[in-house]
Each structure stands twice: as C-alpha cells, then as structure tokens.
Full PDB file with SEQRES, HELIX, SHEET, SSBOND, CRYST1, ORIGX, SCALE, CONECT and MASTER records, all heavy atoms in Angstrom:
SEQRES   1 A   43  ILE ASP GLU ILE GLU LYS LEU LEU ASP LYS TYR ILE PRO          
SEQRES   2 A   43  ALA VAL GLU GLN MET HIS THR THR LEU LYS LYS TYR ASN          
SEQRES   3 A   43  VAL ALA PHE THR ILE THR THR SER GLU ASN LYS LYS LEU          
SEQRES   4 A   43  ARG LYS LYS ASN                                              
HELIX    1 AA1 ASP A    2  LYS A   24  1                                  23    
HELIX    2 AA2 ASN A   26  LYS A   42  1                                  17    
CRYST1    1.000    1.000    1.000  90.00  90.00  90.00 P 1           1          
ORIGX1      1.000000  0.000000  0.000000        0.00000                         
ORIGX2      0.000000  1.000000  0.000000        0.00000                         
ORIGX3      0.000000  0.000000  1.000000        0.00000                         
SCALE1      1.000000  0.000000  0.000000        0.00000                         
SCALE2      0.000000  1.000000  0.000000        0.00000                         
SCALE3      0.000000  0.000000  1.000000        0.00000                         
ATOM      1  N   ILE A   1      68.233 243.356 171.944  1.00  0.00           N  
ATOM      2  CA  ILE A   1      68.205 244.674 172.606  1.00  0.00           C  
ATOM      3  C   ILE A   1      66.744 245.057 172.953  1.00  0.00           C  
ATOM      4  O   ILE A   1      66.477 245.553 174.049  1.00  0.00           O  
ATOM      5  CB  ILE A   1      68.877 245.758 171.718  1.00  0.00           C  
ATOM      6  CG1 ILE A   1      70.398 245.515 171.713  1.00  0.00           C  
ATOM      7  CG2 ILE A   1      68.564 247.150 172.224  1.00  0.00           C  
ATOM      8  CD1 ILE A   1      71.144 246.401 170.753  1.00  0.00           C  
ATOM      9  N   ASP A   2      65.850 244.781 172.037  1.00  0.00           N  
ATOM     10  CA  ASP A   2      64.432 245.077 172.293  1.00  0.00           C  
ATOM     11  C   ASP A   2      63.932 244.261 173.488  1.00  0.00           C  
ATOM     12  O   ASP A   2      63.223 244.773 174.359  1.00  0.00           O  
ATOM     13  CB  ASP A   2      63.580 244.786 171.035  1.00  0.00           C  
ATOM     14  CG  ASP A   2      63.835 245.782 169.916  1.00  0.00           C  
ATOM     15  OD1 ASP A   2      64.360 246.894 170.219  1.00  0.00           O  
ATOM     16  OD2 ASP A   2      63.523 245.458 168.763  1.00  0.00           O  
ATOM     17  N   GLU A   3      64.270 242.960 173.498  1.00  0.00           N  
ATOM     18  CA  GLU A   3      63.843 242.091 174.632  1.00  0.00           C  
ATOM     19  C   GLU A   3      64.432 242.559 175.927  1.00  0.00           C  
ATOM     20  O   GLU A   3      63.746 242.597 176.954  1.00  0.00           O  
ATOM     21  CB  GLU A   3      64.261 240.642 174.359  1.00  0.00           C  
ATOM     22  CG  GLU A   3      63.440 239.913 173.306  1.00  0.00           C  
ATOM     23  CD  GLU A   3      63.887 238.479 173.148  1.00  0.00           C  
ATOM     24  OE1 GLU A   3      63.644 237.679 174.087  1.00  0.00           O  
ATOM     25  OE2 GLU A   3      64.462 238.159 172.082  1.00  0.00           O  
ATOM     26  N   ILE A   4      65.724 242.917 175.883  1.00  0.00           N  
ATOM     27  CA  ILE A   4      66.416 243.376 177.099  1.00  0.00           C  
ATOM     28  C   ILE A   4      65.787 244.670 177.618  1.00  0.00           C  
ATOM     29  O   ILE A   4      65.563 244.831 178.817  1.00  0.00           O  
ATOM     30  CB  ILE A   4      67.931 243.556 176.835  1.00  0.00           C  
ATOM     31  CG1 ILE A   4      68.585 242.177 176.614  1.00  0.00           C  
ATOM     32  CG2 ILE A   4      68.615 244.298 177.982  1.00  0.00           C  
ATOM     33  CD1 ILE A   4      70.018 242.240 176.118  1.00  0.00           C  
ATOM     34  N   GLU A   5      65.462 245.595 176.711  1.00  0.00           N  
ATOM     35  CA  GLU A   5      64.827 246.861 177.115  1.00  0.00           C  
ATOM     36  C   GLU A   5      63.476 246.614 177.784  1.00  0.00           C  
ATOM     37  O   GLU A   5      63.168 247.217 178.815  1.00  0.00           O  
ATOM     38  CB  GLU A   5      64.643 247.783 175.909  1.00  0.00           C  
ATOM     39  CG  GLU A   5      65.927 248.476 175.460  1.00  0.00           C  
ATOM     40  CD  GLU A   5      65.727 249.334 174.230  1.00  0.00           C  
ATOM     41  OE1 GLU A   5      64.626 249.309 173.608  1.00  0.00           O  
ATOM     42  OE2 GLU A   5      66.675 250.047 173.882  1.00  0.00           O  
ATOM     43  N   LYS A   6      62.667 245.732 177.192  1.00  0.00           N  
ATOM     44  CA  LYS A   6      61.363 245.406 177.784  1.00  0.00           C  
ATOM     45  C   LYS A   6      61.516 244.825 179.184  1.00  0.00           C  
ATOM     46  O   LYS A   6      60.778 245.179 180.111  1.00  0.00           O  
ATOM     47  CB  LYS A   6      60.579 244.448 176.898  1.00  0.00           C  
ATOM     48  CG  LYS A   6      60.049 245.059 175.647  1.00  0.00           C  
ATOM     49  CD  LYS A   6      59.329 244.021 174.800  1.00  0.00           C  
ATOM     50  CE  LYS A   6      58.935 244.610 173.446  1.00  0.00           C  
ATOM     51  NZ  LYS A   6      58.351 243.598 172.587  1.00  0.00           N  
ATOM     52  N   LEU A   7      62.468 243.918 179.306  1.00  0.00           N  
ATOM     53  CA  LEU A   7      62.704 243.281 180.607  1.00  0.00           C  
ATOM     54  C   LEU A   7      63.238 244.285 181.629  1.00  0.00           C  
ATOM     55  O   LEU A   7      62.827 244.282 182.791  1.00  0.00           O  
ATOM     56  CB  LEU A   7      63.670 242.098 180.474  1.00  0.00           C  
ATOM     57  CG  LEU A   7      63.750 241.122 181.613  1.00  0.00           C  
ATOM     58  CD1 LEU A   7      62.382 240.579 182.006  1.00  0.00           C  
ATOM     59  CD2 LEU A   7      64.654 239.940 181.246  1.00  0.00           C  
ATOM     60  N   LEU A   8      64.134 245.174 181.182  1.00  0.00           N  
ATOM     61  CA  LEU A   8      64.697 246.187 182.099  1.00  0.00           C  
ATOM     62  C   LEU A   8      63.631 247.174 182.570  1.00  0.00           C  
ATOM     63  O   LEU A   8      63.727 247.690 183.689  1.00  0.00           O  
ATOM     64  CB  LEU A   8      65.847 246.931 181.429  1.00  0.00           C  
ATOM     65  CG  LEU A   8      67.173 246.186 181.304  1.00  0.00           C  
ATOM     66  CD1 LEU A   8      68.188 247.004 180.538  1.00  0.00           C  
ATOM     67  CD2 LEU A   8      67.716 245.817 182.693  1.00  0.00           C  
ATOM     68  N   ASP A   9      62.613 247.447 181.724  1.00  0.00           N  
ATOM     69  CA  ASP A   9      61.521 248.344 182.116  1.00  0.00           C  
ATOM     70  C   ASP A   9      60.802 247.819 183.357  1.00  0.00           C  
ATOM     71  O   ASP A   9      60.299 248.580 184.168  1.00  0.00           O  
ATOM     72  CB  ASP A   9      60.526 248.519 180.981  1.00  0.00           C  
ATOM     73  CG  ASP A   9      61.065 249.413 179.869  1.00  0.00           C  
ATOM     74  OD1 ASP A   9      62.063 250.153 180.129  1.00  0.00           O  
ATOM     75  OD2 ASP A   9      60.532 249.360 178.741  1.00  0.00           O  
ATOM     76  N   LYS A  10      60.750 246.494 183.515  1.00  0.00           N  
ATOM     77  CA  LYS A  10      60.112 245.882 184.688  1.00  0.00           C  
ATOM     78  C   LYS A  10      61.152 245.673 185.809  1.00  0.00           C  
ATOM     79  O   LYS A  10      60.854 245.837 186.978  1.00  0.00           O  
ATOM     80  CB  LYS A  10      59.508 244.525 184.329  1.00  0.00           C  
ATOM     81  CG  LYS A  10      58.394 244.590 183.330  1.00  0.00           C  
ATOM     82  CD  LYS A  10      57.945 243.168 182.998  1.00  0.00           C  
ATOM     83  CE  LYS A  10      56.970 243.146 181.843  1.00  0.00           C  
ATOM     84  NZ  LYS A  10      56.667 241.793 181.388  1.00  0.00           N  
ATOM     85  N   TYR A  11      62.351 245.250 185.376  1.00  0.00           N  
ATOM     86  CA  TYR A  11      63.357 244.804 186.342  1.00  0.00           C  
ATOM     87  C   TYR A  11      63.905 245.946 187.211  1.00  0.00           C  
ATOM     88  O   TYR A  11      63.986 245.813 188.434  1.00  0.00           O  
ATOM     89  CB  TYR A  11      64.505 244.106 185.593  1.00  0.00           C  
ATOM     90  CG  TYR A  11      65.561 243.502 186.478  1.00  0.00           C  
ATOM     91  CD1 TYR A  11      65.300 242.381 187.263  1.00  0.00           C  
ATOM     92  CD2 TYR A  11      66.849 244.048 186.550  1.00  0.00           C  
ATOM     93  CE1 TYR A  11      66.266 241.819 188.076  1.00  0.00           C  
ATOM     94  CE2 TYR A  11      67.817 243.501 187.372  1.00  0.00           C  
ATOM     95  CZ  TYR A  11      67.517 242.384 188.121  1.00  0.00           C  
ATOM     96  OH  TYR A  11      68.487 241.829 188.928  1.00  0.00           O  
ATOM     97  N   ILE A  12      64.248 247.053 186.598  1.00  0.00           N  
ATOM     98  CA  ILE A  12      64.872 248.168 187.345  1.00  0.00           C  
ATOM     99  C   ILE A  12      63.946 248.707 188.423  1.00  0.00           C  
ATOM    100  O   ILE A  12      64.356 248.832 189.590  1.00  0.00           O  
ATOM    101  CB  ILE A  12      65.386 249.266 186.392  1.00  0.00           C  
ATOM    102  CG1 ILE A  12      66.587 248.703 185.617  1.00  0.00           C  
ATOM    103  CG2 ILE A  12      65.782 250.526 187.166  1.00  0.00           C  
ATOM    104  CD1 ILE A  12      67.096 249.611 184.518  1.00  0.00           C  
ATOM    105  N   PRO A  13      62.681 249.016 188.136  1.00  0.00           N  
ATOM    106  CA  PRO A  13      61.786 249.502 189.223  1.00  0.00           C  
ATOM    107  C   PRO A  13      61.584 248.430 190.315  1.00  0.00           C  
ATOM    108  O   PRO A  13      61.486 248.786 191.495  1.00  0.00           O  
ATOM    109  CB  PRO A  13      60.472 249.803 188.514  1.00  0.00           C  
ATOM    110  CG  PRO A  13      60.809 249.950 187.070  1.00  0.00           C  
ATOM    111  CD  PRO A  13      62.009 249.088 186.834  1.00  0.00           C  
ATOM    112  N   ALA A  14      61.525 247.168 189.903  1.00  0.00           N  
ATOM    113  CA  ALA A  14      61.320 246.094 190.892  1.00  0.00           C  
ATOM    114  C   ALA A  14      62.546 246.001 191.808  1.00  0.00           C  
ATOM    115  O   ALA A  14      62.394 245.767 193.028  1.00  0.00           O  
ATOM    116  CB  ALA A  14      61.052 244.761 190.194  1.00  0.00           C  
ATOM    117  N   VAL A  15      63.726 246.155 191.268  1.00  0.00           N  
ATOM    118  CA  VAL A  15      64.950 246.109 192.095  1.00  0.00           C  
ATOM    119  C   VAL A  15      64.986 247.286 193.051  1.00  0.00           C  
ATOM    120  O   VAL A  15      65.323 247.136 194.233  1.00  0.00           O  
ATOM    121  CB  VAL A  15      66.226 246.077 191.215  1.00  0.00           C  
ATOM    122  CG1 VAL A  15      67.485 246.304 192.045  1.00  0.00           C  
ATOM    123  CG2 VAL A  15      66.323 244.772 190.451  1.00  0.00           C  
ATOM    124  N   GLU A  16      64.618 248.458 192.574  1.00  0.00           N  
ATOM    125  CA  GLU A  16      64.566 249.651 193.449  1.00  0.00           C  
ATOM    126  C   GLU A  16      63.543 249.458 194.562  1.00  0.00           C  
ATOM    127  O   GLU A  16      63.808 249.798 195.727  1.00  0.00           O  
ATOM    128  CB  GLU A  16      64.239 250.897 192.633  1.00  0.00           C  
ATOM    129  CG  GLU A  16      65.377 251.333 191.742  1.00  0.00           C  
ATOM    130  CD  GLU A  16      65.006 252.496 190.822  1.00  0.00           C  
ATOM    131  OE1 GLU A  16      63.810 252.890 190.766  1.00  0.00           O  
ATOM    132  OE2 GLU A  16      65.911 253.008 190.144  1.00  0.00           O  
ATOM    133  N   GLN A  17      62.382 248.898 194.227  1.00  0.00           N  
ATOM    134  CA  GLN A  17      61.359 248.668 195.255  1.00  0.00           C  
ATOM    135  C   GLN A  17      61.851 247.616 196.275  1.00  0.00           C  
ATOM    136  O   GLN A  17      61.655 247.768 197.478  1.00  0.00           O  
ATOM    137  CB  GLN A  17      60.069 248.165 194.607  1.00  0.00           C  
ATOM    138  CG  GLN A  17      58.957 247.950 195.606  1.00  0.00           C  
ATOM    139  CD  GLN A  17      57.698 247.436 194.937  1.00  0.00           C  
ATOM    140  OE1 GLN A  17      57.633 247.287 193.720  1.00  0.00           O  
ATOM    141  NE2 GLN A  17      56.686 247.169 195.725  1.00  0.00           N  
ATOM    142  N   MET A  18      62.538 246.583 195.767  1.00  0.00           N  
ATOM    143  CA  MET A  18      63.071 245.554 196.675  1.00  0.00           C  
ATOM    144  C   MET A  18      64.136 246.157 197.585  1.00  0.00           C  
ATOM    145  O   MET A  18      64.198 245.858 198.775  1.00  0.00           O  
ATOM    146  CB  MET A  18      63.659 244.389 195.877  1.00  0.00           C  
ATOM    147  CG  MET A  18      64.200 243.266 196.746  1.00  0.00           C  
ATOM    148  SD  MET A  18      63.002 242.517 197.883  1.00  0.00           S  
ATOM    149  CE  MET A  18      61.934 241.690 196.765  1.00  0.00           C  
ATOM    150  N   HIS A  19      64.947 247.054 197.044  1.00  0.00           N  
ATOM    151  CA  HIS A  19      65.976 247.735 197.867  1.00  0.00           C  
ATOM    152  C   HIS A  19      65.322 248.496 199.018  1.00  0.00           C  
ATOM    153  O   HIS A  19      65.750 248.405 200.165  1.00  0.00           O  
ATOM    154  CB  HIS A  19      66.800 248.676 196.980  1.00  0.00           C  
ATOM    155  CG  HIS A  19      67.827 249.427 197.738  1.00  0.00           C  
ATOM    156  ND1 HIS A  19      68.973 248.852 198.228  1.00  0.00           N  
ATOM    157  CD2 HIS A  19      67.876 250.749 198.100  1.00  0.00           C  
ATOM    158  CE1 HIS A  19      69.687 249.754 198.865  1.00  0.00           C  
ATOM    159  NE2 HIS A  19      69.046 250.922 198.813  1.00  0.00           N  
ATOM    160  N   THR A  20      64.244 249.231 198.713  1.00  0.00           N  
ATOM    161  CA  THR A  20      63.514 249.965 199.751  1.00  0.00           C  
ATOM    162  C   THR A  20      62.912 249.022 200.771  1.00  0.00           C  
ATOM    163  O   THR A  20      62.991 249.266 201.977  1.00  0.00           O  
ATOM    164  CB  THR A  20      62.397 250.818 199.088  1.00  0.00           C  
ATOM    165  OG1 THR A  20      62.986 251.652 198.112  1.00  0.00           O  
ATOM    166  CG2 THR A  20      61.674 251.646 200.119  1.00  0.00           C  
ATOM    167  N   THR A  21      62.324 247.949 200.296  1.00  0.00           N  
ATOM    168  CA  THR A  21      61.705 246.955 201.200  1.00  0.00           C  
ATOM    169  C   THR A  21      62.747 246.321 202.113  1.00  0.00           C  
ATOM    170  O   THR A  21      62.540 246.185 203.317  1.00  0.00           O  
ATOM    171  CB  THR A  21      60.991 245.844 200.383  1.00  0.00           C  
ATOM    172  OG1 THR A  21      60.017 246.466 199.549  1.00  0.00           O  
ATOM    173  CG2 THR A  21      60.335 244.844 201.287  1.00  0.00           C  
ATOM    174  N   LEU A  22      63.894 245.952 201.532  1.00  0.00           N  
ATOM    175  CA  LEU A  22      64.935 245.287 202.321  1.00  0.00           C  
ATOM    176  C   LEU A  22      65.594 246.209 203.342  1.00  0.00           C  
ATOM    177  O   LEU A  22      66.066 245.752 204.374  1.00  0.00           O  
ATOM    178  CB  LEU A  22      65.975 244.645 201.401  1.00  0.00           C  
ATOM    179  CG  LEU A  22      65.481 243.465 200.580  1.00  0.00           C  
ATOM    180  CD1 LEU A  22      66.591 242.901 199.720  1.00  0.00           C  
ATOM    181  CD2 LEU A  22      64.857 242.383 201.434  1.00  0.00           C  
ATOM    182  N   LYS A  23      65.600 247.509 203.067  1.00  0.00           N  
ATOM    183  CA  LYS A  23      66.117 248.453 204.063  1.00  0.00           C  
ATOM    184  C   LYS A  23      65.323 248.322 205.370  1.00  0.00           C  
ATOM    185  O   LYS A  23      65.874 248.364 206.454  1.00  0.00           O  
ATOM    186  CB  LYS A  23      66.008 249.896 203.555  1.00  0.00           C  
ATOM    187  CG  LYS A  23      67.125 250.383 202.755  1.00  0.00           C  
ATOM    188  CD  LYS A  23      66.814 251.831 202.451  1.00  0.00           C  
ATOM    189  CE  LYS A  23      67.878 252.556 201.749  1.00  0.00           C  
ATOM    190  NZ  LYS A  23      67.478 253.938 201.439  1.00  0.00           N  
ATOM    191  N   LYS A  24      63.997 248.161 205.199  1.00  0.00           N  
ATOM    192  CA  LYS A  24      63.116 248.047 206.363  1.00  0.00           C  
ATOM    193  C   LYS A  24      63.478 246.831 207.214  1.00  0.00           C  
ATOM    194  O   LYS A  24      63.419 246.858 208.446  1.00  0.00           O  
ATOM    195  CB  LYS A  24      61.663 247.949 205.901  1.00  0.00           C  
ATOM    196  CG  LYS A  24      60.667 247.755 206.978  1.00  0.00           C  
ATOM    197  CD  LYS A  24      59.257 247.618 206.436  1.00  0.00           C  
ATOM    198  CE  LYS A  24      58.287 247.278 207.539  1.00  0.00           C  
ATOM    199  NZ  LYS A  24      56.968 246.980 207.030  1.00  0.00           N  
ATOM    200  N   TYR A  25      63.854 245.743 206.521  1.00  0.00           N  
ATOM    201  CA  TYR A  25      64.157 244.503 207.235  1.00  0.00           C  
ATOM    202  C   TYR A  25      65.639 244.309 207.501  1.00  0.00           C  
ATOM    203  O   TYR A  25      66.071 243.281 207.962  1.00  0.00           O  
ATOM    204  CB  TYR A  25      63.604 243.307 206.447  1.00  0.00           C  
ATOM    205  CG  TYR A  25      62.115 243.359 206.306  1.00  0.00           C  
ATOM    206  CD1 TYR A  25      61.527 243.615 205.087  1.00  0.00           C  
ATOM    207  CD2 TYR A  25      61.278 243.183 207.408  1.00  0.00           C  
ATOM    208  CE1 TYR A  25      60.154 243.685 204.952  1.00  0.00           C  
ATOM    209  CE2 TYR A  25      59.903 243.262 207.281  1.00  0.00           C  
ATOM    210  CZ  TYR A  25      59.352 243.506 206.056  1.00  0.00           C  
ATOM    211  OH  TYR A  25      57.999 243.578 205.925  1.00  0.00           O  
ATOM    212  N   ASN A  26      66.434 245.328 207.210  1.00  0.00           N  
ATOM    213  CA  ASN A  26      67.888 245.215 207.369  1.00  0.00           C  
ATOM    214  C   ASN A  26      68.274 244.831 208.798  1.00  0.00           C  
ATOM    215  O   ASN A  26      69.165 244.039 209.021  1.00  0.00           O  
ATOM    216  CB  ASN A  26      68.566 246.523 206.954  1.00  0.00           C  
ATOM    217  CG  ASN A  26      70.076 246.368 206.913  1.00  0.00           C  
ATOM    218  OD1 ASN A  26      70.571 245.292 206.559  1.00  0.00           O  
ATOM    219  ND2 ASN A  26      70.801 247.400 207.270  1.00  0.00           N  
ATOM    220  N   VAL A  27      67.581 245.397 209.780  1.00  0.00           N  
ATOM    221  CA  VAL A  27      67.881 245.070 211.181  1.00  0.00           C  
ATOM    222  C   VAL A  27      67.626 243.590 211.419  1.00  0.00           C  
ATOM    223  O   VAL A  27      68.433 242.901 212.042  1.00  0.00           O  
ATOM    224  CB  VAL A  27      67.003 245.924 212.136  1.00  0.00           C  
ATOM    225  CG1 VAL A  27      67.173 245.487 213.565  1.00  0.00           C  
ATOM    226  CG2 VAL A  27      67.366 247.398 211.990  1.00  0.00           C  
ATOM    227  N   ALA A  28      66.518 243.071 210.882  1.00  0.00           N  
ATOM    228  CA  ALA A  28      66.227 241.639 211.045  1.00  0.00           C  
ATOM    229  C   ALA A  28      67.317 240.801 210.402  1.00  0.00           C  
ATOM    230  O   ALA A  28      67.770 239.801 210.986  1.00  0.00           O  
ATOM    231  CB  ALA A  28      64.859 241.308 210.439  1.00  0.00           C  
ATOM    232  N   PHE A  29      67.778 241.189 209.195  1.00  0.00           N  
ATOM    233  CA  PHE A  29      68.861 240.453 208.540  1.00  0.00           C  
ATOM    234  C   PHE A  29      70.133 240.507 209.361  1.00  0.00           C  
ATOM    235  O   PHE A  29      70.831 239.497 209.532  1.00  0.00           O  
ATOM    236  CB  PHE A  29      69.121 240.992 207.127  1.00  0.00           C  
ATOM    237  CG  PHE A  29      68.030 240.745 206.153  1.00  0.00           C  
ATOM    238  CD1 PHE A  29      67.626 241.739 205.273  1.00  0.00           C  
ATOM    239  CD2 PHE A  29      67.373 239.526 206.097  1.00  0.00           C  
ATOM    240  CE1 PHE A  29      66.615 241.528 204.367  1.00  0.00           C  
ATOM    241  CE2 PHE A  29      66.357 239.285 205.185  1.00  0.00           C  
ATOM    242  CZ  PHE A  29      65.986 240.306 204.316  1.00  0.00           C  
ATOM    243  N   THR A  30      70.445 241.709 209.868  1.00  0.00           N  
ATOM    244  CA  THR A  30      71.669 241.871 210.650  1.00  0.00           C  
ATOM    245  C   THR A  30      71.639 241.018 211.912  1.00  0.00           C  
ATOM    246  O   THR A  30      72.604 240.337 212.225  1.00  0.00           O  
ATOM    247  CB  THR A  30      71.848 243.356 211.026  1.00  0.00           C  
ATOM    248  OG1 THR A  30      71.820 244.138 209.828  1.00  0.00           O  
ATOM    249  CG2 THR A  30      73.154 243.603 211.743  1.00  0.00           C  
ATOM    250  N   ILE A  31      70.511 241.051 212.616  1.00  0.00           N  
ATOM    251  CA  ILE A  31      70.386 240.252 213.839  1.00  0.00           C  
ATOM    252  C   ILE A  31      70.456 238.773 213.516  1.00  0.00           C  
ATOM    253  O   ILE A  31      71.176 238.019 214.174  1.00  0.00           O  
ATOM    254  CB  ILE A  31      69.051 240.581 214.565  1.00  0.00           C  
ATOM    255  CG1 ILE A  31      69.115 242.000 215.155  1.00  0.00           C  
ATOM    256  CG2 ILE A  31      68.749 239.561 215.643  1.00  0.00           C  
ATOM    257  CD1 ILE A  31      67.795 242.506 215.694  1.00  0.00           C  
ATOM    258  N   THR A  32      69.761 238.354 212.456  1.00  0.00           N  
ATOM    259  CA  THR A  32      69.786 236.947 212.061  1.00  0.00           C  
ATOM    260  C   THR A  32      71.199 236.517 211.668  1.00  0.00           C  
ATOM    261  O   THR A  32      71.667 235.449 212.067  1.00  0.00           O  
ATOM    262  CB  THR A  32      68.807 236.704 210.888  1.00  0.00           C  
ATOM    263  OG1 THR A  32      67.509 237.119 211.307  1.00  0.00           O  
ATOM    264  CG2 THR A  32      68.766 235.243 210.501  1.00  0.00           C  
ATOM    265  N   THR A  33      71.890 237.370 210.907  1.00  0.00           N  
ATOM    266  CA  THR A  33      73.269 237.043 210.525  1.00  0.00           C  
ATOM    267  C   THR A  33      74.164 236.927 211.750  1.00  0.00           C  
ATOM    268  O   THR A  33      74.941 235.984 211.875  1.00  0.00           O  
ATOM    269  CB  THR A  33      73.815 238.149 209.587  1.00  0.00           C  
ATOM    270  OG1 THR A  33      72.964 238.244 208.453  1.00  0.00           O  
ATOM    271  CG2 THR A  33      75.228 237.840 209.133  1.00  0.00           C  
ATOM    272  N   SER A  34      73.996 237.843 212.698  1.00  0.00           N  
ATOM    273  CA  SER A  34      74.772 237.820 213.937  1.00  0.00           C  
ATOM    274  C   SER A  34      74.482 236.533 214.722  1.00  0.00           C  
ATOM    275  O   SER A  34      75.379 235.876 215.229  1.00  0.00           O  
ATOM    276  CB  SER A  34      74.463 239.053 214.758  1.00  0.00           C  
ATOM    277  OG  SER A  34      75.062 238.985 216.025  1.00  0.00           O  
ATOM    278  N   GLU A  35      73.185 236.216 214.846  1.00  0.00           N  
ATOM    279  CA  GLU A  35      72.813 235.010 215.573  1.00  0.00           C  
ATOM    280  C   GLU A  35      73.357 233.764 214.883  1.00  0.00           C  
ATOM    281  O   GLU A  35      73.835 232.840 215.540  1.00  0.00           O  
ATOM    282  CB  GLU A  35      71.265 234.914 215.686  1.00  0.00           C  
ATOM    283  CG  GLU A  35      70.672 235.910 216.651  1.00  0.00           C  
ATOM    284  CD  GLU A  35      69.147 235.908 216.650  1.00  0.00           C  
ATOM    285  OE1 GLU A  35      68.539 235.252 215.758  1.00  0.00           O  
ATOM    286  OE2 GLU A  35      68.582 236.605 217.491  1.00  0.00           O  
ATOM    287  N   ASN A  36      73.311 233.756 213.542  1.00  0.00           N  
ATOM    288  CA  ASN A  36      73.842 232.618 212.813  1.00  0.00           C  
ATOM    289  C   ASN A  36      75.343 232.448 213.041  1.00  0.00           C  
ATOM    290  O   ASN A  36      75.841 231.341 213.178  1.00  0.00           O  
ATOM    291  CB  ASN A  36      73.546 232.748 211.292  1.00  0.00           C  
ATOM    292  CG  ASN A  36      72.102 232.436 210.979  1.00  0.00           C  
ATOM    293  OD1 ASN A  36      71.386 231.835 211.781  1.00  0.00           O  
ATOM    294  ND2 ASN A  36      71.654 232.881 209.804  1.00  0.00           N  
ATOM    295  N   LYS A  37      76.075 233.583 213.061  1.00  0.00           N  
ATOM    296  CA  LYS A  37      77.521 233.509 213.341  1.00  0.00           C  
ATOM    297  C   LYS A  37      77.783 232.920 214.730  1.00  0.00           C  
ATOM    298  O   LYS A  37      78.649 232.074 214.913  1.00  0.00           O  
ATOM    299  CB  LYS A  37      78.153 234.898 213.231  1.00  0.00           C  
ATOM    300  CG  LYS A  37      78.355 235.373 211.820  1.00  0.00           C  
ATOM    301  CD  LYS A  37      79.001 236.743 211.803  1.00  0.00           C  
ATOM    302  CE  LYS A  37      79.109 237.287 210.382  1.00  0.00           C  
ATOM    303  NZ  LYS A  37      79.671 238.638 210.343  1.00  0.00           N  
ATOM    304  N   LYS A  38      77.017 233.391 215.709  1.00  0.00           N  
ATOM    305  CA  LYS A  38      77.174 232.879 217.081  1.00  0.00           C  
ATOM    306  C   LYS A  38      76.857 231.390 217.128  1.00  0.00           C  
ATOM    307  O   LYS A  38      77.581 230.615 217.786  1.00  0.00           O  
ATOM    308  CB  LYS A  38      76.260 233.630 218.055  1.00  0.00           C  
ATOM    309  CG  LYS A  38      76.704 235.055 218.331  1.00  0.00           C  
ATOM    310  CD  LYS A  38      75.688 235.768 219.237  1.00  0.00           C  
ATOM    311  CE  LYS A  38      76.032 237.229 219.400  1.00  0.00           C  
ATOM    312  NZ  LYS A  38      75.008 237.951 220.152  1.00  0.00           N  
ATOM    313  N   LEU A  39      75.779 230.979 216.451  1.00  0.00           N  
ATOM    314  CA  LEU A  39      75.412 229.570 216.441  1.00  0.00           C  
ATOM    315  C   LEU A  39      76.470 228.712 215.729  1.00  0.00           C  
ATOM    316  O   LEU A  39      76.784 227.615 216.191  1.00  0.00           O  
ATOM    317  CB  LEU A  39      74.045 229.372 215.765  1.00  0.00           C  
ATOM    318  CG  LEU A  39      72.847 229.870 216.585  1.00  0.00           C  
ATOM    319  CD1 LEU A  39      71.580 229.807 215.745  1.00  0.00           C  
ATOM    320  CD2 LEU A  39      72.688 229.043 217.860  1.00  0.00           C  
ATOM    321  N   ARG A  40      77.024 229.251 214.627  1.00  0.00           N  
ATOM    322  CA  ARG A  40      78.101 228.506 213.931  1.00  0.00           C  
ATOM    323  C   ARG A  40      79.314 228.356 214.835  1.00  0.00           C  
ATOM    324  O   ARG A  40      79.916 227.267 214.911  1.00  0.00           O  
ATOM    325  CB  ARG A  40      78.490 229.214 212.629  1.00  0.00           C  
ATOM    326  CG  ARG A  40      77.617 228.854 211.441  1.00  0.00           C  
ATOM    327  CD  ARG A  40      78.245 229.276 210.130  1.00  0.00           C  
ATOM    328  NE  ARG A  40      78.328 230.724 209.974  1.00  0.00           N  
ATOM    329  CZ  ARG A  40      77.347 231.486 209.521  1.00  0.00           C  
ATOM    330  NH1 ARG A  40      76.185 230.951 209.200  1.00  0.00           N  
ATOM    331  NH2 ARG A  40      77.504 232.769 209.413  1.00  0.00           N  
ATOM    332  N   LYS A  41      79.655 229.432 215.543  1.00  0.00           N  
ATOM    333  CA  LYS A  41      80.818 229.389 216.448  1.00  0.00           C  
ATOM    334  C   LYS A  41      80.580 228.364 217.565  1.00  0.00           C  
ATOM    335  O   LYS A  41      81.452 227.562 217.886  1.00  0.00           O  
ATOM    336  CB  LYS A  41      81.096 230.772 217.044  1.00  0.00           C  
ATOM    337  CG  LYS A  41      82.363 230.842 217.858  1.00  0.00           C  
ATOM    338  CD  LYS A  41      82.658 232.262 218.299  1.00  0.00           C  
ATOM    339  CE  LYS A  41      83.940 232.307 219.087  1.00  0.00           C  
ATOM    340  NZ  LYS A  41      84.297 233.653 219.483  1.00  0.00           N  
ATOM    341  N   LYS A  42      79.375 228.400 218.142  1.00  0.00           N  
ATOM    342  CA  LYS A  42      79.032 227.446 219.208  1.00  0.00           C  
ATOM    343  C   LYS A  42      79.048 226.023 218.655  1.00  0.00           C  
ATOM    344  O   LYS A  42      79.534 225.102 219.329  1.00  0.00           O  
ATOM    345  CB  LYS A  42      77.660 227.775 219.812  1.00  0.00           C  
ATOM    346  CG  LYS A  42      77.312 226.914 220.989  1.00  0.00           C  
ATOM    347  CD  LYS A  42      76.099 227.438 221.716  1.00  0.00           C  
ATOM    348  CE  LYS A  42      75.910 226.625 222.985  1.00  0.00           C  
ATOM    349  NZ  LYS A  42      75.059 227.252 223.940  1.00  0.00           N  
ATOM    350  N   ASN A  43      78.531 225.840 217.445  1.00  0.00           N  
ATOM    351  CA  ASN A  43      78.538 224.544 216.815  1.00  0.00           C  
ATOM    352  C   ASN A  43      79.978 224.013 216.634  1.00  0.00           C  
ATOM    353  O   ASN A  43      80.264 222.856 216.868  1.00  0.00           O  
ATOM    354  CB  ASN A  43      77.801 224.574 215.480  1.00  0.00           C  
ATOM    355  CG  ASN A  43      77.591 223.228 214.874  1.00  0.00           C  
ATOM    356  OD1 ASN A  43      77.527 222.222 215.587  1.00  0.00           O  
ATOM    357  ND2 ASN A  43      77.483 223.181 213.565  1.00  0.00           N  
TER     358      ASN A  43                                                      
MASTER        0    0    0    2    0    0    0    6  357    1    0    4          
END                                                                             
C-alpha cells in the first residue's frame, strides 16, 4: 500500500497532464485514424 501510494502520487498527475496534452492533438489522432481506415479499405 505504501509503494502504491508513492507511485500514485506521481502517476495520477502525470495521467491528468497527458490527458490535457492529448486533447490538443486529438484532431491529429482523429485525422490519422480516419486516414488509416481509408488506407485499410483501399488496401
């Protein structure tokens, strides 16, 4: 429990920061996913 608490003290803020960062790039992910679907269909 002590080890898990120490790890969560770092992990939770890092996940929140990553969530904020990924929101910024969500359009890029969406476009890339869409392009990948089109390429798979063409393939």
